[in-house]
Amino acid sequence: MSDAIRGRLLVVEDEPVIATLMHEVFTRGGYQVEVAGQVSVAIEQLGKQTFDLCLSDFMLPDRTGLDLARAALEIQPELRMVLISAFMESEVERQVREIPSVLAIVRKPADVFKLRDQVDEWVPMPLAEVAESESSVAEAPIEIEEPPSAEGLDAGAPADSSTVVPVDIPAPRPTTENDTEREAEC
């Protein structure tokens, strides 16, 4: 496998076990990964470094992923984000969808290896290319499903597991030699 870095990721997760798992999986996938446990730390890192993608838990100790997405838009307008949440109220989800840099909302529990495969597709594509190409929007390989309507649901119940609610998802990129090498390692 090449020593080339596929991209720079910022993972914002307050659960140490999940943060460590995501760091390991994405590092082994060829990414340079920085981890922050709070929105304030993530905002500080965004001011110091440029990232290709930010994967953020929605509920964090000091603020929410929505707050981070809004701040990131000011600090690094080209940064793409993926928010990860077990449950998100429909009004909050509507607000998230209004932020152009948020590519998707991933429902917990999420398969981190499938998420990494999806990140492999998101990272190489510039944000402007994603926004301009309506014809390139495709379903992610992770199970995709619109969230159920709020009517008749228990407000505290988690969403269906391992789903991604697409916001803008680019079409898959062609398979590369690195992909083949990565698959052989698994």
N, C-alpha and C. Protein backbone atom coordinates (compact mmCIF):
# COMPACT_ATOMS: atom_id res chain seq x y z
N MET A 1 0.85 -1.19 0.00
CA MET A 1 0.00 0.00 0.00
C MET A 1 0.88 1.24 0.00
N SER A 2 0.51 2.25 -0.72
CA SER A 2 1.25 3.50 -0.82
C SER A 2 1.19 4.26 0.51
N ASP A 3 2.25 5.05 0.76
CA ASP A 3 2.28 5.88 1.97
C ASP A 3 1.58 7.21 1.76
N ALA A 4 1.02 7.42 0.58
CA ALA A 4 0.33 8.67 0.29
C ALA A 4 -0.90 8.82 1.18
N ILE A 5 -1.14 10.03 1.61
CA ILE A 5 -2.30 10.31 2.44
C ILE A 5 -3.50 10.56 1.54
N ARG A 6 -4.60 9.83 1.78
CA ARG A 6 -5.82 9.98 0.96
C ARG A 6 -6.50 11.31 1.22
N GLY A 7 -6.39 11.79 2.46
CA GLY A 7 -7.03 13.04 2.83
C GLY A 7 -6.89 13.28 4.32
N ARG A 8 -7.31 14.47 4.73
CA ARG A 8 -7.24 14.86 6.15
C ARG A 8 -8.65 14.90 6.73
N LEU A 9 -8.85 14.14 7.81
CA LEU A 9 -10.16 14.06 8.44
C LEU A 9 -10.11 14.64 9.85
N LEU A 10 -11.19 15.30 10.22
CA LEU A 10 -11.40 15.72 11.60
C LEU A 10 -12.57 14.90 12.12
N VAL A 11 -12.31 14.10 13.16
CA VAL A 11 -13.34 13.29 13.79
C VAL A 11 -13.69 13.96 15.11
N VAL A 12 -14.96 14.30 15.29
CA VAL A 12 -15.41 14.95 16.52
C VAL A 12 -16.34 13.97 17.23
N GLU A 13 -15.82 13.38 18.30
CA GLU A 13 -16.54 12.32 19.02
C GLU A 13 -16.11 12.36 20.48
N ASP A 14 -17.08 12.40 21.39
CA ASP A 14 -16.75 12.49 22.82
C ASP A 14 -16.63 11.13 23.50
N GLU A 15 -17.06 10.06 22.86
CA GLU A 15 -16.92 8.72 23.44
C GLU A 15 -15.53 8.19 23.07
N PRO A 16 -14.63 8.02 24.06
CA PRO A 16 -13.26 7.61 23.76
C PRO A 16 -13.14 6.32 22.95
N VAL A 17 -13.95 5.32 23.23
CA VAL A 17 -13.85 4.06 22.49
C VAL A 17 -14.21 4.26 21.02
N ILE A 18 -15.26 5.00 20.76
CA ILE A 18 -15.68 5.26 19.38
C ILE A 18 -14.65 6.14 18.67
N ALA A 19 -14.15 7.16 19.36
CA ALA A 19 -13.13 8.05 18.78
C ALA A 19 -11.88 7.26 18.40
N THR A 20 -11.45 6.36 19.29
CA THR A 20 -10.26 5.54 19.02
C THR A 20 -10.51 4.61 17.84
N LEU A 21 -11.68 3.97 17.81
CA LEU A 21 -12.01 3.08 16.69
C LEU A 21 -12.00 3.83 15.37
N MET A 22 -12.65 5.00 15.33
CA MET A 22 -12.69 5.77 14.09
C MET A 22 -11.29 6.22 13.68
N HIS A 23 -10.49 6.64 14.65
CA HIS A 23 -9.11 7.04 14.36
C HIS A 23 -8.34 5.89 13.73
N GLU A 24 -8.43 4.70 14.32
CA GLU A 24 -7.71 3.53 13.81
C GLU A 24 -8.18 3.13 12.42
N VAL A 25 -9.48 3.03 12.23
CA VAL A 25 -10.02 2.58 10.94
C VAL A 25 -9.65 3.56 9.83
N PHE A 26 -9.80 4.85 10.08
CA PHE A 26 -9.49 5.82 9.02
C PHE A 26 -7.98 5.98 8.81
N THR A 27 -7.19 5.87 9.87
CA THR A 27 -5.74 5.93 9.71
C THR A 27 -5.26 4.75 8.87
N ARG A 28 -5.75 3.57 9.18
CA ARG A 28 -5.38 2.39 8.39
C ARG A 28 -5.90 2.48 6.96
N GLY A 29 -6.94 3.26 6.75
CA GLY A 29 -7.47 3.48 5.40
C GLY A 29 -6.69 4.53 4.62
N GLY A 30 -5.63 5.08 5.22
CA GLY A 30 -4.76 6.01 4.51
C GLY A 30 -5.02 7.48 4.80
N TYR A 31 -5.85 7.77 5.79
CA TYR A 31 -6.17 9.16 6.11
C TYR A 31 -5.32 9.66 7.26
N GLN A 32 -5.06 10.95 7.25
CA GLN A 32 -4.48 11.62 8.40
C GLN A 32 -5.67 12.09 9.24
N VAL A 33 -5.72 11.68 10.50
CA VAL A 33 -6.91 11.89 11.33
C VAL A 33 -6.56 12.68 12.58
N GLU A 34 -7.33 13.71 12.84
CA GLU A 34 -7.26 14.45 14.09
C GLU A 34 -8.58 14.20 14.80
N VAL A 35 -8.53 14.09 16.13
CA VAL A 35 -9.74 13.81 16.91
C VAL A 35 -9.96 14.94 17.91
N ALA A 36 -11.20 15.36 18.03
CA ALA A 36 -11.60 16.35 19.04
C ALA A 36 -12.79 15.77 19.79
N GLY A 37 -12.84 16.02 21.09
CA GLY A 37 -13.93 15.50 21.91
C GLY A 37 -15.02 16.51 22.18
N GLN A 38 -14.82 17.75 21.74
CA GLN A 38 -15.79 18.81 21.97
C GLN A 38 -15.82 19.74 20.75
N VAL A 39 -16.92 20.44 20.58
CA VAL A 39 -17.06 21.40 19.48
C VAL A 39 -16.00 22.50 19.60
N SER A 40 -15.78 23.01 20.81
CA SER A 40 -14.80 24.09 20.99
C SER A 40 -13.41 23.67 20.55
N VAL A 41 -13.01 22.43 20.83
CA VAL A 41 -11.70 21.93 20.41
C VAL A 41 -11.67 21.77 18.89
N ALA A 42 -12.76 21.28 18.32
CA ALA A 42 -12.84 21.12 16.86
C ALA A 42 -12.72 22.47 16.16
N ILE A 43 -13.39 23.48 16.69
CA ILE A 43 -13.33 24.82 16.09
C ILE A 43 -11.89 25.35 16.15
N GLU A 44 -11.22 25.10 17.26
CA GLU A 44 -9.82 25.51 17.40
C GLU A 44 -8.95 24.81 16.35
N GLN A 45 -9.16 23.50 16.14
CA GLN A 45 -8.39 22.77 15.13
C GLN A 45 -8.70 23.26 13.72
N LEU A 46 -9.96 23.60 13.45
CA LEU A 46 -10.33 24.13 12.13
C LEU A 46 -9.62 25.45 11.85
N GLY A 47 -9.34 26.22 12.90
CA GLY A 47 -8.62 27.47 12.73
C GLY A 47 -7.14 27.29 12.46
N LYS A 48 -6.61 26.11 12.77
CA LYS A 48 -5.18 25.85 12.62
C LYS A 48 -4.83 24.99 11.41
N GLN A 49 -5.75 24.12 10.98
CA GLN A 49 -5.47 23.16 9.92
C GLN A 49 -6.63 23.09 8.93
N THR A 50 -6.31 22.66 7.73
CA THR A 50 -7.33 22.45 6.71
C THR A 50 -7.65 20.96 6.65
N PHE A 51 -8.93 20.64 6.58
CA PHE A 51 -9.37 19.26 6.51
C PHE A 51 -10.21 19.06 5.25
N ASP A 52 -10.23 17.81 4.76
CA ASP A 52 -11.05 17.45 3.60
C ASP A 52 -12.48 17.12 4.02
N LEU A 53 -12.63 16.55 5.22
CA LEU A 53 -13.94 16.12 5.68
C LEU A 53 -13.95 16.09 7.20
N CYS A 54 -15.10 16.43 7.77
CA CYS A 54 -15.29 16.36 9.21
C CYS A 54 -16.43 15.39 9.48
N LEU A 55 -16.15 14.39 10.31
CA LEU A 55 -17.16 13.43 10.77
C LEU A 55 -17.45 13.78 12.21
N SER A 56 -18.67 14.20 12.50
CA SER A 56 -18.97 14.67 13.85
C SER A 56 -20.21 14.02 14.43
N ASP A 57 -20.06 13.58 15.68
CA ASP A 57 -21.21 13.16 16.45
C ASP A 57 -22.12 14.38 16.56
N PHE A 58 -23.42 14.15 16.69
CA PHE A 58 -24.32 15.30 16.80
C PHE A 58 -24.39 15.85 18.22
N MET A 59 -24.53 14.97 19.19
CA MET A 59 -24.63 15.40 20.59
C MET A 59 -23.24 15.36 21.23
N LEU A 60 -22.71 16.52 21.56
CA LEU A 60 -21.39 16.63 22.17
C LEU A 60 -21.52 17.39 23.48
N PRO A 61 -20.53 17.29 24.37
CA PRO A 61 -20.66 17.88 25.71
C PRO A 61 -20.90 19.39 25.73
N ASP A 62 -20.25 20.12 24.84
CA ASP A 62 -20.37 21.57 24.92
C ASP A 62 -21.37 22.18 23.96
N ARG A 63 -21.59 21.57 22.80
CA ARG A 63 -22.56 22.06 21.81
C ARG A 63 -22.96 20.90 20.91
N THR A 64 -23.62 21.22 19.81
CA THR A 64 -24.08 20.16 18.89
C THR A 64 -23.30 20.19 17.58
N GLY A 65 -23.47 19.12 16.83
CA GLY A 65 -22.89 19.05 15.50
C GLY A 65 -23.43 20.13 14.58
N LEU A 66 -24.66 20.55 14.81
CA LEU A 66 -25.25 21.65 14.03
C LEU A 66 -24.47 22.93 14.29
N ASP A 67 -24.14 23.19 15.56
CA ASP A 67 -23.33 24.36 15.89
C ASP A 67 -21.97 24.29 15.21
N LEU A 68 -21.38 23.09 15.22
CA LEU A 68 -20.08 22.91 14.57
C LEU A 68 -20.18 23.13 13.07
N ALA A 69 -21.23 22.60 12.44
CA ALA A 69 -21.39 22.77 10.99
C ALA A 69 -21.50 24.25 10.62
N ARG A 70 -22.23 25.00 11.42
CA ARG A 70 -22.37 26.44 11.16
C ARG A 70 -21.04 27.17 11.34
N ALA A 71 -20.31 26.84 12.41
CA ALA A 71 -19.00 27.47 12.65
C ALA A 71 -18.00 27.09 11.57
N ALA A 72 -18.01 25.82 11.17
CA ALA A 72 -17.08 25.34 10.14
C ALA A 72 -17.31 26.05 8.81
N LEU A 73 -18.56 26.36 8.51
CA LEU A 73 -18.89 27.06 7.28
C LEU A 73 -18.22 28.43 7.23
N GLU A 74 -18.10 29.06 8.39
CA GLU A 74 -17.43 30.37 8.49
C GLU A 74 -15.90 30.23 8.42
N ILE A 75 -15.36 29.19 9.05
CA ILE A 75 -13.91 29.03 9.16
C ILE A 75 -13.31 28.40 7.90
N GLN A 76 -13.93 27.33 7.43
CA GLN A 76 -13.46 26.61 6.24
C GLN A 76 -14.66 26.31 5.35
N PRO A 77 -15.06 27.28 4.51
CA PRO A 77 -16.27 27.11 3.70
C PRO A 77 -16.28 25.88 2.80
N GLU A 78 -15.12 25.38 2.39
CA GLU A 78 -15.06 24.22 1.51
C GLU A 78 -15.09 22.89 2.25
N LEU A 79 -15.06 22.92 3.58
CA LEU A 79 -15.05 21.69 4.37
C LEU A 79 -16.39 20.99 4.27
N ARG A 80 -16.36 19.71 3.93
CA ARG A 80 -17.57 18.91 3.90
C ARG A 80 -17.73 18.22 5.24
N MET A 81 -18.98 18.02 5.64
CA MET A 81 -19.26 17.43 6.96
C MET A 81 -20.25 16.28 6.84
N VAL A 82 -20.10 15.35 7.77
CA VAL A 82 -21.05 14.26 7.95
C VAL A 82 -21.39 14.26 9.43
N LEU A 83 -22.67 14.33 9.74
CA LEU A 83 -23.12 14.31 11.12
C LEU A 83 -23.63 12.91 11.46
N ILE A 84 -23.26 12.44 12.65
CA ILE A 84 -23.60 11.09 13.09
C ILE A 84 -24.49 11.21 14.31
N SER A 85 -25.67 10.58 14.26
CA SER A 85 -26.62 10.74 15.36
C SER A 85 -27.54 9.53 15.51
N ALA A 86 -27.87 9.22 16.75
CA ALA A 86 -28.84 8.16 17.00
C ALA A 86 -30.26 8.67 16.77
N PHE A 87 -30.47 9.93 17.07
CA PHE A 87 -31.80 10.52 16.91
C PHE A 87 -31.64 12.01 16.65
N MET A 88 -32.43 12.52 15.73
CA MET A 88 -32.42 13.94 15.42
C MET A 88 -33.86 14.37 15.14
N GLU A 89 -34.32 15.38 15.85
CA GLU A 89 -35.67 15.88 15.63
C GLU A 89 -35.79 16.43 14.22
N SER A 90 -36.99 16.35 13.66
CA SER A 90 -37.20 16.75 12.27
C SER A 90 -36.85 18.22 12.02
N GLU A 91 -37.13 19.10 12.96
CA GLU A 91 -36.79 20.52 12.78
C GLU A 91 -35.28 20.71 12.74
N VAL A 92 -34.57 20.01 13.58
CA VAL A 92 -33.11 20.09 13.59
C VAL A 92 -32.56 19.51 12.29
N GLU A 93 -33.13 18.38 11.86
CA GLU A 93 -32.69 17.77 10.61
C GLU A 93 -32.92 18.74 9.44
N ARG A 94 -34.02 19.46 9.44
CA ARG A 94 -34.29 20.45 8.40
C ARG A 94 -33.21 21.52 8.40
N GLN A 95 -32.83 21.98 9.59
CA GLN A 95 -31.78 23.00 9.70
C GLN A 95 -30.44 22.47 9.20
N VAL A 96 -30.14 21.23 9.51
CA VAL A 96 -28.90 20.61 9.05
C VAL A 96 -28.89 20.55 7.52
N ARG A 97 -30.01 20.17 6.93
CA ARG A 97 -30.08 20.06 5.46
C ARG A 97 -29.89 21.40 4.75
N GLU A 98 -30.10 22.50 5.46
CA GLU A 98 -29.93 23.82 4.87
C GLU A 98 -28.46 24.24 4.80
N ILE A 99 -27.59 23.51 5.47
CA ILE A 99 -26.16 23.84 5.44
C ILE A 99 -25.55 23.11 4.25
N PRO A 100 -25.06 23.85 3.26
CA PRO A 100 -24.62 23.23 2.01
C PRO A 100 -23.44 22.27 2.16
N SER A 101 -22.64 22.41 3.18
CA SER A 101 -21.46 21.56 3.33
C SER A 101 -21.74 20.22 4.00
N VAL A 102 -22.95 20.02 4.52
CA VAL A 102 -23.28 18.74 5.17
C VAL A 102 -23.71 17.76 4.08
N LEU A 103 -22.89 16.71 3.91
CA LEU A 103 -23.16 15.72 2.88
C LEU A 103 -24.21 14.71 3.30
N ALA A 104 -24.21 14.33 4.58
CA ALA A 104 -25.13 13.29 5.02
C ALA A 104 -25.28 13.30 6.53
N ILE A 105 -26.35 12.67 6.95
CA ILE A 105 -26.59 12.39 8.36
C ILE A 105 -26.54 10.86 8.48
N VAL A 106 -25.61 10.37 9.26
CA VAL A 106 -25.45 8.92 9.44
C VAL A 106 -26.14 8.54 10.74
N ARG A 107 -27.00 7.54 10.67
CA ARG A 107 -27.72 7.08 11.84
C ARG A 107 -26.89 6.06 12.62
N LYS A 108 -26.89 6.20 13.93
CA LYS A 108 -26.21 5.23 14.80
C LYS A 108 -27.14 4.07 15.08
N PRO A 109 -26.60 2.90 15.32
CA PRO A 109 -25.19 2.58 15.24
C PRO A 109 -24.78 2.42 13.78
N ALA A 110 -23.62 2.91 13.45
CA ALA A 110 -23.14 2.87 12.08
C ALA A 110 -21.97 1.90 11.96
N ASP A 111 -21.89 1.24 10.83
CA ASP A 111 -20.77 0.35 10.54
C ASP A 111 -19.61 1.23 10.09
N VAL A 112 -18.56 1.32 10.90
CA VAL A 112 -17.46 2.24 10.63
C VAL A 112 -16.72 1.86 9.34
N PHE A 113 -16.71 0.58 8.97
CA PHE A 113 -16.03 0.17 7.74
C PHE A 113 -16.82 0.61 6.51
N LYS A 114 -18.15 0.49 6.57
CA LYS A 114 -18.97 1.00 5.47
C LYS A 114 -18.86 2.52 5.40
N LEU A 115 -18.80 3.16 6.56
CA LEU A 115 -18.64 4.62 6.58
C LEU A 115 -17.31 5.00 5.94
N ARG A 116 -16.24 4.26 6.24
CA ARG A 116 -14.95 4.55 5.63
C ARG A 116 -15.03 4.40 4.11
N ASP A 117 -15.70 3.36 3.63
CA ASP A 117 -15.85 3.19 2.18
C ASP A 117 -16.58 4.38 1.57
N GLN A 118 -17.60 4.88 2.27
CA GLN A 118 -18.33 6.05 1.77
C GLN A 118 -17.43 7.28 1.80
N VAL A 119 -16.65 7.44 2.85
CA VAL A 119 -15.72 8.57 2.94
C VAL A 119 -14.72 8.52 1.79
N ASP A 120 -14.29 7.32 1.40
CA ASP A 120 -13.38 7.18 0.26
C ASP A 120 -13.98 7.80 -1.01
N GLU A 121 -15.30 7.76 -1.12
CA GLU A 121 -15.96 8.35 -2.29
C GLU A 121 -16.14 9.86 -2.13
N TRP A 122 -16.36 10.32 -0.90
CA TRP A 122 -16.61 11.74 -0.69
C TRP A 122 -15.34 12.58 -0.74
N VAL A 123 -14.25 12.10 -0.21
CA VAL A 123 -13.05 12.92 -0.05
C VAL A 123 -12.46 13.42 -1.37
N PRO A 124 -12.32 12.59 -2.40
CA PRO A 124 -11.67 13.10 -3.60
C PRO A 124 -12.45 14.15 -4.39
N MET A 125 -13.74 14.30 -4.12
CA MET A 125 -14.55 15.20 -4.91
C MET A 125 -14.64 16.58 -4.26
N PRO A 126 -14.19 17.64 -4.96
CA PRO A 126 -14.31 18.99 -4.40
C PRO A 126 -15.78 19.35 -4.15
N LEU A 127 -16.02 20.12 -3.10
CA LEU A 127 -17.38 20.50 -2.71
C LEU A 127 -18.11 21.19 -3.86
N ALA A 128 -17.42 22.07 -4.60
CA ALA A 128 -18.05 22.77 -5.71
C ALA A 128 -18.59 21.78 -6.74
N GLU A 129 -17.83 20.70 -6.96
CA GLU A 129 -18.25 19.67 -7.91
C GLU A 129 -19.51 18.96 -7.42
N VAL A 130 -19.59 18.72 -6.12
CA VAL A 130 -20.77 18.08 -5.54
C VAL A 130 -21.98 18.98 -5.73
N ALA A 131 -21.85 20.26 -5.41
CA ALA A 131 -22.96 21.20 -5.47
C ALA A 131 -23.44 21.45 -6.90
N GLU A 132 -22.51 21.47 -7.86
CA GLU A 132 -22.85 21.81 -9.25
C GLU A 132 -23.49 20.66 -10.01
N SER A 133 -23.23 19.44 -9.62
CA SER A 133 -23.63 18.31 -10.42
C SER A 133 -24.83 17.58 -9.85
N GLU A 134 -26.01 18.01 -10.20
CA GLU A 134 -27.22 17.33 -9.77
C GLU A 134 -27.27 15.92 -10.33
N SER A 135 -26.71 15.73 -11.55
CA SER A 135 -26.75 14.41 -12.16
C SER A 135 -25.81 13.43 -11.50
N SER A 136 -24.86 13.91 -10.68
CA SER A 136 -23.92 12.99 -10.04
C SER A 136 -24.41 12.51 -8.68
N VAL A 137 -25.59 12.94 -8.26
CA VAL A 137 -26.10 12.50 -6.96
C VAL A 137 -26.56 11.06 -7.08
N ALA A 138 -26.03 10.22 -6.19
CA ALA A 138 -26.37 8.80 -6.21
C ALA A 138 -26.53 8.30 -4.79
N GLU A 139 -27.10 7.13 -4.65
CA GLU A 139 -27.25 6.56 -3.32
C GLU A 139 -25.90 6.05 -2.83
N ALA A 140 -25.66 6.24 -1.54
CA ALA A 140 -24.46 5.70 -0.91
C ALA A 140 -24.59 4.19 -0.79
N PRO A 141 -23.45 3.47 -0.71
CA PRO A 141 -23.54 2.02 -0.58
C PRO A 141 -24.04 1.58 0.79
N ILE A 142 -24.07 2.49 1.75
CA ILE A 142 -24.65 2.18 3.05
C ILE A 142 -26.16 2.24 2.88
N GLU A 143 -26.89 1.44 3.63
CA GLU A 143 -28.35 1.45 3.53
C GLU A 143 -28.85 2.87 3.69
N ILE A 144 -29.60 3.35 2.71
CA ILE A 144 -30.10 4.71 2.73
C ILE A 144 -31.61 4.68 2.86
N GLU A 145 -32.06 5.53 3.72
CA GLU A 145 -33.48 5.52 4.00
C GLU A 145 -33.89 6.89 4.52
N GLU A 146 -34.99 7.38 4.04
CA GLU A 146 -35.53 8.62 4.59
C GLU A 146 -36.02 8.32 6.00
N PRO A 147 -35.82 9.24 6.93
CA PRO A 147 -36.29 8.98 8.28
C PRO A 147 -37.82 8.94 8.29
N PRO A 148 -38.39 8.13 9.19
CA PRO A 148 -39.84 8.08 9.26
C PRO A 148 -40.39 9.42 9.73
N SER A 149 -41.64 9.68 9.40
CA SER A 149 -42.23 10.93 9.85
C SER A 149 -42.37 10.88 11.37
N ALA A 150 -42.43 12.04 11.98
CA ALA A 150 -42.49 12.13 13.44
C ALA A 150 -43.83 11.65 13.99
N GLU A 151 -44.85 11.58 13.16
CA GLU A 151 -46.17 11.16 13.62
C GLU A 151 -46.14 9.72 14.09
N GLY A 152 -46.62 9.49 15.29
CA GLY A 152 -46.74 8.13 15.79
C GLY A 152 -45.45 7.53 16.31
N LEU A 153 -44.37 8.30 16.33
CA LEU A 153 -43.10 7.78 16.83
C LEU A 153 -42.85 8.25 18.24
N ASP A 154 -42.20 7.42 19.01
CA ASP A 154 -41.76 7.81 20.35
C ASP A 154 -40.62 8.79 20.16
N ALA A 155 -40.75 10.01 20.67
CA ALA A 155 -39.75 11.06 20.47
C ALA A 155 -38.38 10.65 20.98
N GLY A 156 -38.29 9.76 21.95
CA GLY A 156 -37.00 9.35 22.48
C GLY A 156 -36.44 8.11 21.81
N ALA A 157 -37.19 7.52 20.90
CA ALA A 157 -36.73 6.28 20.27
C ALA A 157 -35.65 6.58 19.24
N PRO A 158 -34.62 5.74 19.19
CA PRO A 158 -33.57 5.95 18.20
C PRO A 158 -34.07 5.62 16.80
N ALA A 159 -33.42 6.22 15.83
CA ALA A 159 -33.76 5.94 14.43
C ALA A 159 -33.31 4.52 14.10
N ASP A 160 -33.78 4.00 12.99
CA ASP A 160 -33.38 2.70 12.54
C ASP A 160 -31.86 2.65 12.45
N SER A 161 -31.27 1.54 12.81
CA SER A 161 -29.81 1.45 12.89
C SER A 161 -29.15 1.43 11.51
N SER A 162 -27.92 1.93 11.49
CA SER A 162 -27.05 1.93 10.32
C SER A 162 -27.69 2.50 9.06
N THR A 163 -28.32 3.63 9.16
CA THR A 163 -28.86 4.26 7.98
C THR A 163 -28.20 5.60 7.76
N VAL A 164 -28.17 6.01 6.52
CA VAL A 164 -27.65 7.31 6.15
C VAL A 164 -28.77 8.06 5.47
N VAL A 165 -29.00 9.27 5.88
CA VAL A 165 -29.97 10.11 5.21
C VAL A 165 -29.17 11.03 4.31
N PRO A 166 -29.22 10.82 3.00
CA PRO A 166 -28.37 11.60 2.11
C PRO A 166 -28.81 13.05 2.02
N VAL A 167 -27.84 13.92 1.93
CA VAL A 167 -28.10 15.32 1.67
C VAL A 167 -27.63 15.58 0.25
N ASP A 168 -26.36 15.42 0.00
CA ASP A 168 -25.78 15.42 -1.35
C ASP A 168 -24.71 14.34 -1.33
N ILE A 169 -24.86 13.35 -2.17
CA ILE A 169 -23.88 12.28 -2.20
C ILE A 169 -23.40 12.13 -3.63
N PRO A 170 -22.10 12.30 -3.87
CA PRO A 170 -21.58 12.20 -5.23
C PRO A 170 -21.63 10.76 -5.74
N ALA A 171 -21.63 10.63 -7.06
CA ALA A 171 -21.59 9.31 -7.66
C ALA A 171 -20.27 8.64 -7.30
N PRO A 172 -20.26 7.31 -7.25
CA PRO A 172 -19.02 6.61 -6.91
C PRO A 172 -17.92 6.91 -7.90
N ARG A 173 -16.70 6.98 -7.37
CA ARG A 173 -15.54 7.21 -8.23
C ARG A 173 -15.08 5.86 -8.78
N PRO A 174 -14.31 5.86 -9.87
CA PRO A 174 -13.81 4.60 -10.42
C PRO A 174 -12.89 3.92 -9.42
N THR A 175 -12.84 2.60 -9.45
CA THR A 175 -11.95 1.84 -8.58
C THR A 175 -10.51 2.11 -8.99
N THR A 176 -9.64 2.30 -7.99
CA THR A 176 -8.22 2.57 -8.25
C THR A 176 -7.38 1.41 -7.77
N GLU A 177 -6.09 1.45 -8.09
CA GLU A 177 -5.16 0.42 -7.64
C GLU A 177 -5.10 0.38 -6.12
N ASN A 178 -5.18 1.56 -5.46
CA ASN A 178 -5.17 1.61 -4.00
C ASN A 178 -6.36 0.88 -3.41
N ASP A 179 -7.53 0.96 -4.06
CA ASP A 179 -8.71 0.27 -3.58
C ASP A 179 -8.49 -1.24 -3.60
N THR A 180 -7.90 -1.73 -4.70
CA THR A 180 -7.64 -3.15 -4.85
C THR A 180 -6.66 -3.61 -3.77
N GLU A 181 -5.60 -2.81 -3.52
CA GLU A 181 -4.62 -3.16 -2.49
C GLU A 181 -5.28 -3.17 -1.12
N ARG A 182 -6.15 -2.20 -0.85
CA ARG A 182 -6.83 -2.10 0.44
C ARG A 182 -7.73 -3.31 0.66
N GLU A 183 -8.45 -3.73 -0.37
CA GLU A 183 -9.33 -4.90 -0.26
C GLU A 183 -8.52 -6.15 0.01
N ALA A 184 -7.33 -6.27 -0.60
CA ALA A 184 -6.49 -7.44 -0.40
C ALA A 184 -5.99 -7.52 1.04
N GLU A 185 -5.81 -6.36 1.69
CA GLU A 185 -5.34 -6.33 3.06
C GLU A 185 -6.39 -6.81 4.04
N CYS A 186 -7.68 -6.65 3.69
CA CYS A 186 -8.76 -7.00 4.63
C CYS A 186 -8.96 -8.47 4.76
